[in-house]
N, C-alpha and C. Protein backbone atom coordinates (compact mmCIF):
# COMPACT_ATOMS: atom_id res chain seq x y z
N MET A 1 60.76 -36.81 -10.91
CA MET A 1 60.63 -36.28 -9.57
C MET A 1 61.19 -37.30 -8.58
N ALA A 2 62.04 -36.85 -7.67
CA ALA A 2 62.67 -37.72 -6.69
C ALA A 2 61.69 -38.07 -5.57
N ASN A 3 61.80 -39.29 -5.08
CA ASN A 3 61.00 -39.74 -3.96
C ASN A 3 61.51 -39.07 -2.68
N LEU A 4 60.63 -38.45 -1.91
CA LEU A 4 61.00 -37.74 -0.69
C LEU A 4 61.80 -38.61 0.26
N PHE A 5 61.39 -39.85 0.46
CA PHE A 5 62.03 -40.70 1.46
C PHE A 5 63.28 -41.39 0.94
N SER A 6 63.61 -41.24 -0.35
CA SER A 6 64.87 -41.77 -0.84
C SER A 6 66.01 -40.79 -0.58
N GLN A 7 65.66 -39.58 -0.20
CA GLN A 7 66.65 -38.56 0.13
C GLN A 7 66.97 -38.62 1.62
N GLU A 8 68.18 -38.25 1.96
CA GLU A 8 68.54 -38.17 3.37
C GLU A 8 68.08 -36.83 3.90
N GLY A 9 67.37 -36.86 5.02
CA GLY A 9 66.88 -35.63 5.63
C GLY A 9 67.97 -34.92 6.40
N LYS A 10 67.84 -33.62 6.48
CA LYS A 10 68.77 -32.80 7.26
C LYS A 10 68.19 -32.64 8.67
N LYS A 11 68.99 -33.03 9.68
CA LYS A 11 68.54 -32.90 11.06
C LYS A 11 68.54 -31.42 11.43
N ILE A 12 67.38 -30.91 11.90
CA ILE A 12 67.22 -29.50 12.23
C ILE A 12 67.38 -29.26 13.73
N MET A 13 66.63 -29.99 14.55
CA MET A 13 66.63 -29.77 15.99
C MET A 13 66.27 -31.07 16.70
N GLN A 14 66.57 -31.09 18.02
CA GLN A 14 66.14 -32.21 18.85
C GLN A 14 65.57 -31.69 20.16
N ALA A 15 64.68 -32.48 20.73
CA ALA A 15 64.10 -32.18 22.03
C ALA A 15 63.95 -33.51 22.77
N ARG A 16 63.76 -33.40 24.07
CA ARG A 16 63.65 -34.60 24.90
C ARG A 16 62.61 -34.38 25.99
N ALA A 17 62.01 -35.48 26.42
CA ALA A 17 61.09 -35.46 27.56
C ALA A 17 61.45 -36.64 28.45
N GLU A 18 61.73 -36.35 29.71
CA GLU A 18 61.97 -37.40 30.70
C GLU A 18 60.61 -37.76 31.29
N MET A 19 60.16 -38.95 30.98
CA MET A 19 58.83 -39.40 31.37
C MET A 19 58.85 -39.93 32.80
N LYS A 20 57.81 -39.55 33.57
CA LYS A 20 57.71 -40.07 34.93
C LYS A 20 56.25 -40.13 35.34
N GLY A 21 55.99 -41.06 36.21
CA GLY A 21 54.67 -41.25 36.77
C GLY A 21 54.82 -42.18 37.95
N GLN A 22 53.73 -42.53 38.60
CA GLN A 22 53.80 -43.43 39.74
C GLN A 22 54.11 -44.85 39.25
N GLY A 23 55.36 -45.28 39.45
CA GLY A 23 55.78 -46.61 39.01
C GLY A 23 56.07 -46.70 37.52
N VAL A 24 56.21 -45.55 36.81
CA VAL A 24 56.45 -45.53 35.37
C VAL A 24 57.55 -44.52 35.07
N SER A 25 58.47 -44.87 34.16
CA SER A 25 59.51 -43.92 33.75
C SER A 25 59.94 -44.22 32.32
N GLY A 26 60.65 -43.27 31.73
CA GLY A 26 61.14 -43.47 30.37
C GLY A 26 61.68 -42.19 29.79
N THR A 27 62.02 -42.26 28.51
CA THR A 27 62.57 -41.11 27.80
C THR A 27 61.95 -41.03 26.41
N ALA A 28 61.63 -39.82 26.00
CA ALA A 28 61.15 -39.57 24.64
C ALA A 28 62.12 -38.61 23.97
N THR A 29 62.47 -38.92 22.73
CA THR A 29 63.32 -38.04 21.94
C THR A 29 62.55 -37.61 20.70
N PHE A 30 62.61 -36.33 20.40
CA PHE A 30 61.95 -35.75 19.23
C PHE A 30 63.06 -35.21 18.32
N THR A 31 63.07 -35.62 17.07
CA THR A 31 64.07 -35.14 16.12
C THR A 31 63.35 -34.59 14.90
N GLU A 32 63.60 -33.33 14.58
CA GLU A 32 63.00 -32.72 13.39
C GLU A 32 63.96 -32.82 12.22
N TYR A 33 63.44 -33.30 11.09
CA TYR A 33 64.21 -33.44 9.86
C TYR A 33 63.59 -32.58 8.78
N GLU A 34 64.44 -32.09 7.90
CA GLU A 34 63.98 -31.32 6.75
C GLU A 34 64.29 -32.11 5.48
N PHE A 35 63.27 -32.30 4.65
CA PHE A 35 63.38 -32.94 3.35
C PHE A 35 62.90 -31.91 2.33
N GLY A 36 63.82 -31.16 1.73
CA GLY A 36 63.40 -30.08 0.84
C GLY A 36 62.62 -29.05 1.62
N ALA A 37 61.38 -28.80 1.22
CA ALA A 37 60.53 -27.82 1.90
C ALA A 37 59.67 -28.45 3.00
N GLN A 38 59.75 -29.76 3.16
CA GLN A 38 58.91 -30.46 4.14
C GLN A 38 59.68 -30.76 5.41
N ARG A 39 59.01 -30.61 6.55
CA ARG A 39 59.61 -30.94 7.84
C ARG A 39 58.78 -32.04 8.53
N LEU A 40 59.50 -33.01 9.05
CA LEU A 40 58.87 -34.13 9.76
C LEU A 40 59.55 -34.29 11.11
N VAL A 41 58.81 -34.74 12.10
CA VAL A 41 59.36 -34.99 13.42
C VAL A 41 59.25 -36.48 13.73
N LYS A 42 60.41 -37.05 14.07
CA LYS A 42 60.44 -38.45 14.51
C LYS A 42 60.36 -38.46 16.02
N VAL A 43 59.45 -39.28 16.55
CA VAL A 43 59.26 -39.43 17.99
C VAL A 43 59.68 -40.84 18.37
N GLU A 44 60.60 -40.93 19.33
CA GLU A 44 61.05 -42.22 19.85
C GLU A 44 60.80 -42.22 21.35
N LEU A 45 59.97 -43.15 21.81
CA LEU A 45 59.58 -43.23 23.21
C LEU A 45 59.92 -44.62 23.75
N GLU A 46 60.68 -44.66 24.82
CA GLU A 46 60.95 -45.90 25.56
C GLU A 46 60.35 -45.74 26.94
N LEU A 47 59.56 -46.71 27.34
CA LEU A 47 58.82 -46.62 28.59
C LEU A 47 58.92 -47.94 29.34
N SER A 48 59.02 -47.86 30.66
CA SER A 48 58.98 -49.07 31.48
C SER A 48 58.31 -48.73 32.80
N GLY A 49 57.77 -49.77 33.42
CA GLY A 49 57.11 -49.53 34.69
C GLY A 49 56.63 -50.81 35.32
N ASN A 50 56.13 -50.66 36.52
CA ASN A 50 55.53 -51.76 37.25
C ASN A 50 54.36 -52.28 36.43
N PRO A 51 54.37 -53.58 36.05
CA PRO A 51 53.27 -54.12 35.23
C PRO A 51 51.88 -53.98 35.85
N LEU A 52 51.82 -53.74 37.17
CA LEU A 52 50.51 -53.50 37.79
C LEU A 52 50.01 -52.09 37.49
N LYS A 53 50.92 -51.15 37.24
CA LYS A 53 50.57 -49.77 36.89
C LYS A 53 50.52 -49.58 35.37
N LEU A 54 51.58 -50.05 34.71
CA LEU A 54 51.70 -49.93 33.25
C LEU A 54 51.36 -51.30 32.66
N LYS A 55 50.09 -51.52 32.49
CA LYS A 55 49.59 -52.85 32.09
C LYS A 55 49.89 -53.15 30.63
N ALA A 56 50.03 -54.44 30.33
CA ALA A 56 50.28 -54.89 28.97
C ALA A 56 49.14 -54.45 28.06
N GLY A 57 49.48 -54.05 26.85
CA GLY A 57 48.49 -53.62 25.87
C GLY A 57 48.82 -52.26 25.31
N LEU A 58 47.88 -51.70 24.57
CA LEU A 58 48.06 -50.40 23.93
C LEU A 58 47.71 -49.26 24.87
N HIS A 59 48.52 -48.21 24.83
CA HIS A 59 48.30 -47.02 25.65
C HIS A 59 48.39 -45.78 24.76
N ALA A 60 47.46 -44.86 24.95
CA ALA A 60 47.42 -43.62 24.18
C ALA A 60 48.65 -42.76 24.48
N VAL A 61 49.15 -42.07 23.44
CA VAL A 61 50.27 -41.14 23.57
C VAL A 61 49.87 -39.84 22.88
N HIS A 62 49.98 -38.72 23.61
CA HIS A 62 49.61 -37.42 23.06
C HIS A 62 50.59 -36.35 23.51
N ILE A 63 50.71 -35.32 22.69
CA ILE A 63 51.40 -34.10 23.10
C ILE A 63 50.32 -33.22 23.71
N HIS A 64 50.59 -32.75 24.94
CA HIS A 64 49.63 -31.91 25.65
C HIS A 64 50.07 -30.45 25.61
N GLU A 65 49.11 -29.55 25.82
CA GLU A 65 49.31 -28.12 25.58
C GLU A 65 50.18 -27.39 26.59
N LYS A 66 50.46 -27.97 27.75
CA LYS A 66 51.27 -27.29 28.76
C LYS A 66 52.35 -28.20 29.31
N ALA A 67 53.52 -27.64 29.59
CA ALA A 67 54.61 -28.36 30.24
C ALA A 67 54.40 -28.27 31.74
N CYS A 68 53.66 -29.22 32.28
CA CYS A 68 53.30 -29.17 33.70
C CYS A 68 53.23 -30.60 34.23
N CYS A 69 54.41 -31.21 34.40
CA CYS A 69 54.45 -32.60 34.85
C CYS A 69 55.06 -32.76 36.23
N ASP A 70 55.63 -31.71 36.77
CA ASP A 70 56.44 -31.84 37.97
C ASP A 70 55.69 -31.88 39.29
N ASP A 71 54.65 -31.08 39.44
CA ASP A 71 54.04 -30.91 40.75
C ASP A 71 52.68 -31.56 40.92
N ASP A 72 52.16 -32.19 39.91
CA ASP A 72 50.80 -32.72 39.94
C ASP A 72 50.84 -34.20 39.55
N PRO A 73 50.68 -35.14 40.50
CA PRO A 73 50.77 -36.57 40.16
C PRO A 73 49.67 -37.05 39.20
N SER A 74 48.58 -36.29 39.06
CA SER A 74 47.54 -36.67 38.10
C SER A 74 47.78 -36.02 36.74
N PHE A 75 48.71 -35.08 36.69
CA PHE A 75 49.11 -34.37 35.46
C PHE A 75 47.97 -33.59 34.82
N LYS A 76 46.94 -33.25 35.57
CA LYS A 76 45.82 -32.47 35.03
C LYS A 76 46.27 -31.08 34.60
N CYS A 77 47.31 -30.54 35.26
CA CYS A 77 47.80 -29.19 34.93
C CYS A 77 48.41 -29.13 33.53
N ALA A 78 48.67 -30.28 32.89
CA ALA A 78 49.21 -30.29 31.52
C ALA A 78 48.14 -29.89 30.50
N GLY A 79 46.93 -29.73 30.95
CA GLY A 79 45.85 -29.28 30.07
C GLY A 79 45.43 -30.34 29.08
N GLY A 80 44.84 -29.87 27.98
CA GLY A 80 44.34 -30.76 26.95
C GLY A 80 45.39 -31.05 25.89
N HIS A 81 44.95 -31.53 24.78
CA HIS A 81 45.84 -31.89 23.69
C HIS A 81 46.34 -30.66 22.94
N PHE A 82 47.57 -30.72 22.49
CA PHE A 82 48.17 -29.64 21.71
C PHE A 82 47.42 -29.52 20.39
N ASP A 83 46.81 -28.38 20.15
CA ASP A 83 46.05 -28.14 18.92
C ASP A 83 45.97 -26.64 18.66
N PRO A 84 47.09 -26.04 18.20
CA PRO A 84 47.13 -24.59 18.02
C PRO A 84 46.29 -24.13 16.84
N GLY A 85 46.11 -22.84 16.78
CA GLY A 85 45.43 -22.28 15.61
C GLY A 85 44.09 -21.69 15.94
N PRO A 86 43.58 -20.94 15.01
CA PRO A 86 42.30 -20.26 15.23
C PRO A 86 41.13 -21.23 15.38
N ALA A 87 41.23 -22.42 14.80
CA ALA A 87 40.16 -23.40 14.92
C ALA A 87 40.56 -24.53 15.86
N GLY A 88 41.63 -24.36 16.63
CA GLY A 88 42.11 -25.40 17.52
C GLY A 88 41.11 -25.74 18.61
N ASN A 89 41.16 -26.98 19.07
CA ASN A 89 40.28 -27.44 20.14
C ASN A 89 41.10 -28.40 21.00
N SER A 90 41.50 -27.98 22.19
CA SER A 90 42.35 -28.80 23.04
C SER A 90 41.59 -29.81 23.88
N ASP A 91 40.25 -29.85 23.77
CA ASP A 91 39.49 -30.82 24.54
C ASP A 91 39.96 -32.23 24.19
N PRO A 92 40.44 -33.00 25.19
CA PRO A 92 41.03 -34.29 24.89
C PRO A 92 40.06 -35.35 24.36
N ASP A 93 38.78 -35.15 24.46
CA ASP A 93 37.84 -36.14 23.96
C ASP A 93 37.13 -35.67 22.68
N VAL A 94 36.69 -34.43 22.68
CA VAL A 94 35.90 -33.91 21.57
C VAL A 94 36.72 -33.78 20.28
N ASN A 95 37.99 -33.43 20.38
CA ASN A 95 38.78 -33.13 19.18
C ASN A 95 39.42 -34.36 18.54
N HIS A 96 39.11 -35.51 18.99
CA HIS A 96 39.78 -36.71 18.50
C HIS A 96 39.22 -37.19 17.18
N PRO A 97 40.03 -37.66 16.27
CA PRO A 97 41.49 -37.80 16.22
C PRO A 97 42.15 -36.67 15.44
N TYR A 98 41.60 -35.49 15.49
CA TYR A 98 42.01 -34.43 14.57
C TYR A 98 43.00 -33.42 15.14
N HIS A 99 43.46 -33.59 16.36
CA HIS A 99 44.36 -32.59 16.94
C HIS A 99 45.81 -32.83 16.53
N ALA A 100 46.62 -31.78 16.62
CA ALA A 100 48.01 -31.83 16.18
C ALA A 100 48.85 -32.74 17.08
N GLY A 101 48.50 -32.90 18.34
CA GLY A 101 49.30 -33.68 19.27
C GLY A 101 49.00 -35.17 19.30
N ASP A 102 48.20 -35.65 18.37
CA ASP A 102 47.84 -37.07 18.34
C ASP A 102 49.01 -37.90 17.81
N LEU A 103 49.39 -38.94 18.53
CA LEU A 103 50.44 -39.88 18.12
C LEU A 103 49.90 -41.29 18.20
N PRO A 104 50.58 -42.25 17.59
CA PRO A 104 50.12 -43.64 17.70
C PRO A 104 50.19 -44.16 19.13
N ASN A 105 49.41 -45.19 19.41
CA ASN A 105 49.47 -45.88 20.70
C ASN A 105 50.83 -46.56 20.87
N ILE A 106 51.27 -46.71 22.12
CA ILE A 106 52.46 -47.49 22.41
C ILE A 106 52.03 -48.86 22.93
N MET A 107 52.71 -49.92 22.46
CA MET A 107 52.41 -51.28 22.92
C MET A 107 53.33 -51.60 24.09
N ILE A 108 52.73 -51.94 25.22
CA ILE A 108 53.46 -52.32 26.42
C ILE A 108 53.38 -53.84 26.57
N ASP A 109 54.54 -54.48 26.81
CA ASP A 109 54.54 -55.94 26.95
C ASP A 109 54.19 -56.36 28.38
N GLU A 110 54.16 -57.66 28.63
CA GLU A 110 53.75 -58.19 29.93
C GLU A 110 54.75 -57.87 31.05
N ASN A 111 55.95 -57.41 30.69
CA ASN A 111 56.95 -57.00 31.68
C ASN A 111 56.90 -55.51 31.98
N GLY A 112 55.95 -54.79 31.39
CA GLY A 112 55.82 -53.36 31.62
C GLY A 112 56.80 -52.51 30.81
N LYS A 113 57.19 -52.99 29.64
CA LYS A 113 58.13 -52.25 28.79
C LYS A 113 57.53 -52.05 27.40
N GLY A 114 57.87 -50.91 26.79
CA GLY A 114 57.39 -50.64 25.45
C GLY A 114 58.25 -49.61 24.74
N VAL A 115 58.22 -49.67 23.41
CA VAL A 115 58.95 -48.74 22.56
C VAL A 115 58.00 -48.28 21.46
N LEU A 116 58.00 -46.98 21.21
CA LEU A 116 57.22 -46.40 20.12
C LEU A 116 58.16 -45.60 19.24
N GLU A 117 58.08 -45.80 17.94
CA GLU A 117 58.76 -44.96 16.95
C GLU A 117 57.69 -44.49 15.99
N ALA A 118 57.59 -43.19 15.82
CA ALA A 118 56.55 -42.63 14.96
C ALA A 118 57.08 -41.39 14.25
N ILE A 119 56.48 -41.08 13.12
CA ILE A 119 56.79 -39.88 12.35
C ILE A 119 55.52 -39.05 12.29
N THR A 120 55.64 -37.74 12.52
CA THR A 120 54.48 -36.86 12.42
C THR A 120 54.83 -35.61 11.63
N SER A 121 53.86 -35.15 10.87
CA SER A 121 53.97 -33.86 10.17
C SER A 121 53.07 -32.82 10.83
N ARG A 122 52.44 -33.19 11.94
CA ARG A 122 51.47 -32.31 12.60
C ARG A 122 52.11 -31.27 13.51
N VAL A 123 53.39 -31.49 13.90
CA VAL A 123 54.09 -30.56 14.80
C VAL A 123 55.50 -30.31 14.28
N THR A 124 56.13 -29.26 14.81
CA THR A 124 57.54 -28.98 14.54
C THR A 124 58.23 -28.68 15.87
N LEU A 125 59.55 -28.70 15.83
CA LEU A 125 60.35 -28.23 16.95
C LEU A 125 60.82 -26.82 16.67
N SER A 126 61.06 -26.53 15.40
CA SER A 126 61.53 -25.21 14.99
C SER A 126 60.41 -24.18 15.14
N PRO A 127 60.78 -22.90 15.19
CA PRO A 127 59.77 -21.85 15.37
C PRO A 127 58.68 -21.89 14.30
N GLY A 128 57.49 -21.56 14.70
CA GLY A 128 56.34 -21.53 13.80
C GLY A 128 55.08 -21.87 14.55
N PRO A 129 53.95 -21.84 13.87
CA PRO A 129 52.66 -22.04 14.53
C PRO A 129 52.43 -23.44 15.09
N LEU A 130 53.20 -24.44 14.62
CA LEU A 130 53.03 -25.81 15.09
C LEU A 130 54.14 -26.25 16.04
N SER A 131 54.96 -25.31 16.48
CA SER A 131 56.11 -25.64 17.33
C SER A 131 55.67 -26.08 18.73
N ILE A 132 56.14 -27.26 19.14
CA ILE A 132 55.84 -27.75 20.48
C ILE A 132 56.84 -27.24 21.50
N LEU A 133 57.88 -26.53 21.05
CA LEU A 133 58.85 -25.93 21.96
C LEU A 133 58.52 -24.47 22.25
N ALA A 134 57.90 -23.79 21.30
CA ALA A 134 57.61 -22.36 21.45
C ALA A 134 56.65 -22.08 22.59
N VAL A 135 55.74 -23.01 22.87
CA VAL A 135 54.73 -22.78 23.91
C VAL A 135 54.89 -23.71 25.12
N GLU A 136 55.98 -24.45 25.18
CA GLU A 136 56.24 -25.36 26.30
C GLU A 136 55.13 -26.38 26.48
N THR A 137 55.32 -27.54 25.91
CA THR A 137 54.33 -28.62 25.91
C THR A 137 54.87 -29.83 26.67
N SER A 138 54.06 -30.87 26.75
CA SER A 138 54.48 -32.11 27.41
C SER A 138 54.02 -33.31 26.59
N LEU A 139 54.64 -34.45 26.87
CA LEU A 139 54.22 -35.71 26.28
C LEU A 139 53.52 -36.51 27.37
N MET A 140 52.38 -37.10 27.02
CA MET A 140 51.56 -37.82 28.00
C MET A 140 51.30 -39.25 27.51
N VAL A 141 51.41 -40.21 28.43
CA VAL A 141 51.00 -41.59 28.18
C VAL A 141 49.82 -41.87 29.09
N HIS A 142 48.77 -42.43 28.50
CA HIS A 142 47.51 -42.67 29.21
C HIS A 142 47.36 -44.15 29.60
N ALA A 143 46.43 -44.43 30.49
CA ALA A 143 46.18 -45.78 30.98
C ALA A 143 45.50 -46.67 29.94
N ASN A 144 44.73 -46.07 29.04
CA ASN A 144 43.94 -46.83 28.07
C ASN A 144 44.41 -46.57 26.65
N THR A 145 43.91 -47.36 25.75
CA THR A 145 44.21 -47.18 24.33
C THR A 145 43.47 -45.97 23.77
N ASP A 146 43.97 -45.45 22.68
CA ASP A 146 43.30 -44.37 21.95
C ASP A 146 42.60 -45.01 20.76
N PRO A 147 41.27 -44.97 20.72
CA PRO A 147 40.55 -45.57 19.59
C PRO A 147 40.48 -44.66 18.36
N TYR A 148 41.07 -43.48 18.46
CA TYR A 148 41.10 -42.51 17.36
C TYR A 148 39.70 -42.13 16.88
N GLN A 149 38.85 -41.85 17.84
CA GLN A 149 37.51 -41.33 17.54
C GLN A 149 37.12 -40.36 18.63
N GLY A 150 36.26 -39.43 18.29
CA GLY A 150 35.82 -38.44 19.25
C GLY A 150 34.72 -38.96 20.15
N GLY A 151 34.47 -38.20 21.19
CA GLY A 151 33.41 -38.55 22.13
C GLY A 151 32.92 -37.32 22.85
N GLU A 152 32.06 -37.52 23.80
CA GLU A 152 31.51 -36.42 24.59
C GLU A 152 32.58 -35.84 25.51
N LYS A 153 32.47 -34.56 25.80
CA LYS A 153 33.40 -33.90 26.71
C LYS A 153 33.41 -34.64 28.05
N GLY A 154 34.64 -34.96 28.52
CA GLY A 154 34.80 -35.65 29.79
C GLY A 154 34.59 -37.15 29.75
N SER A 155 34.39 -37.72 28.57
CA SER A 155 34.13 -39.16 28.45
C SER A 155 35.37 -40.02 28.67
N GLY A 156 36.57 -39.45 28.47
CA GLY A 156 37.80 -40.22 28.63
C GLY A 156 38.10 -41.14 27.47
N ILE A 157 37.36 -41.00 26.38
CA ILE A 157 37.53 -41.89 25.23
C ILE A 157 38.93 -41.81 24.62
N SER A 158 39.61 -40.70 24.79
CA SER A 158 40.90 -40.51 24.11
C SER A 158 42.08 -41.14 24.84
N GLY A 159 41.87 -41.90 25.89
CA GLY A 159 42.96 -42.57 26.57
C GLY A 159 42.80 -42.68 28.06
N GLY A 160 41.86 -41.96 28.63
CA GLY A 160 41.58 -42.10 30.05
C GLY A 160 42.65 -41.51 30.96
N PRO A 161 42.82 -42.10 32.15
CA PRO A 161 43.75 -41.55 33.14
C PRO A 161 45.16 -41.37 32.60
N ARG A 162 45.86 -40.41 33.17
CA ARG A 162 47.22 -40.06 32.74
C ARG A 162 48.22 -40.81 33.61
N LEU A 163 49.08 -41.61 32.97
CA LEU A 163 50.03 -42.46 33.71
C LEU A 163 51.43 -41.87 33.81
N ALA A 164 51.91 -41.26 32.73
CA ALA A 164 53.27 -40.74 32.72
C ALA A 164 53.30 -39.47 31.90
N CYS A 165 54.15 -38.53 32.33
CA CYS A 165 54.22 -37.22 31.70
C CYS A 165 55.68 -36.77 31.67
N GLY A 166 56.04 -36.05 30.62
CA GLY A 166 57.37 -35.46 30.53
C GLY A 166 57.32 -34.13 29.83
N ASN A 167 57.95 -33.12 30.41
CA ASN A 167 58.02 -31.80 29.77
C ASN A 167 58.97 -31.88 28.59
N ILE A 168 58.55 -31.38 27.44
CA ILE A 168 59.36 -31.44 26.22
C ILE A 168 60.29 -30.23 26.22
N LYS A 169 61.61 -30.51 26.16
CA LYS A 169 62.61 -29.45 26.23
C LYS A 169 63.65 -29.61 25.13
N ASN A 170 64.09 -28.48 24.60
CA ASN A 170 65.13 -28.45 23.58
C ASN A 170 66.43 -28.95 24.19
N PHE A 171 67.22 -29.68 23.38
CA PHE A 171 68.58 -30.03 23.85
C PHE A 171 69.56 -30.05 22.71
């Protein structure tokens, strides 16, 4: 049996999110690859900002359920975390760390810059029940780290205030 990662994946689709917030900006690229019957999405996020706003350390990164980053500086209109399905729970605190939109934290340096590269099997770009393009979603960077544990509704345990948001769009 061949090792999945020794094979070259076929690039299926790409999407992008232009990240913006007060004193924070960046770009996220999503690339879906097919390895036989398996599909994986690579997420590449580059972020920079005023070190007083985008403080050094780990910051939570999540895919949110709505593409709503343009008119609301607090980004509350982006809703909760992307978690489709009959048993889905978009509550950003209660559903942690089990939702489909959960990604690793991004490390920001003392100059307000950071890069995240991650692979996820929890979402797709192509059509289907896990597609983050079919329902228009966004990528969110939070002020605090994600401890990858659940908490009470409204506790903010999953990352706290929203610092930067980008609508995820096919390109």
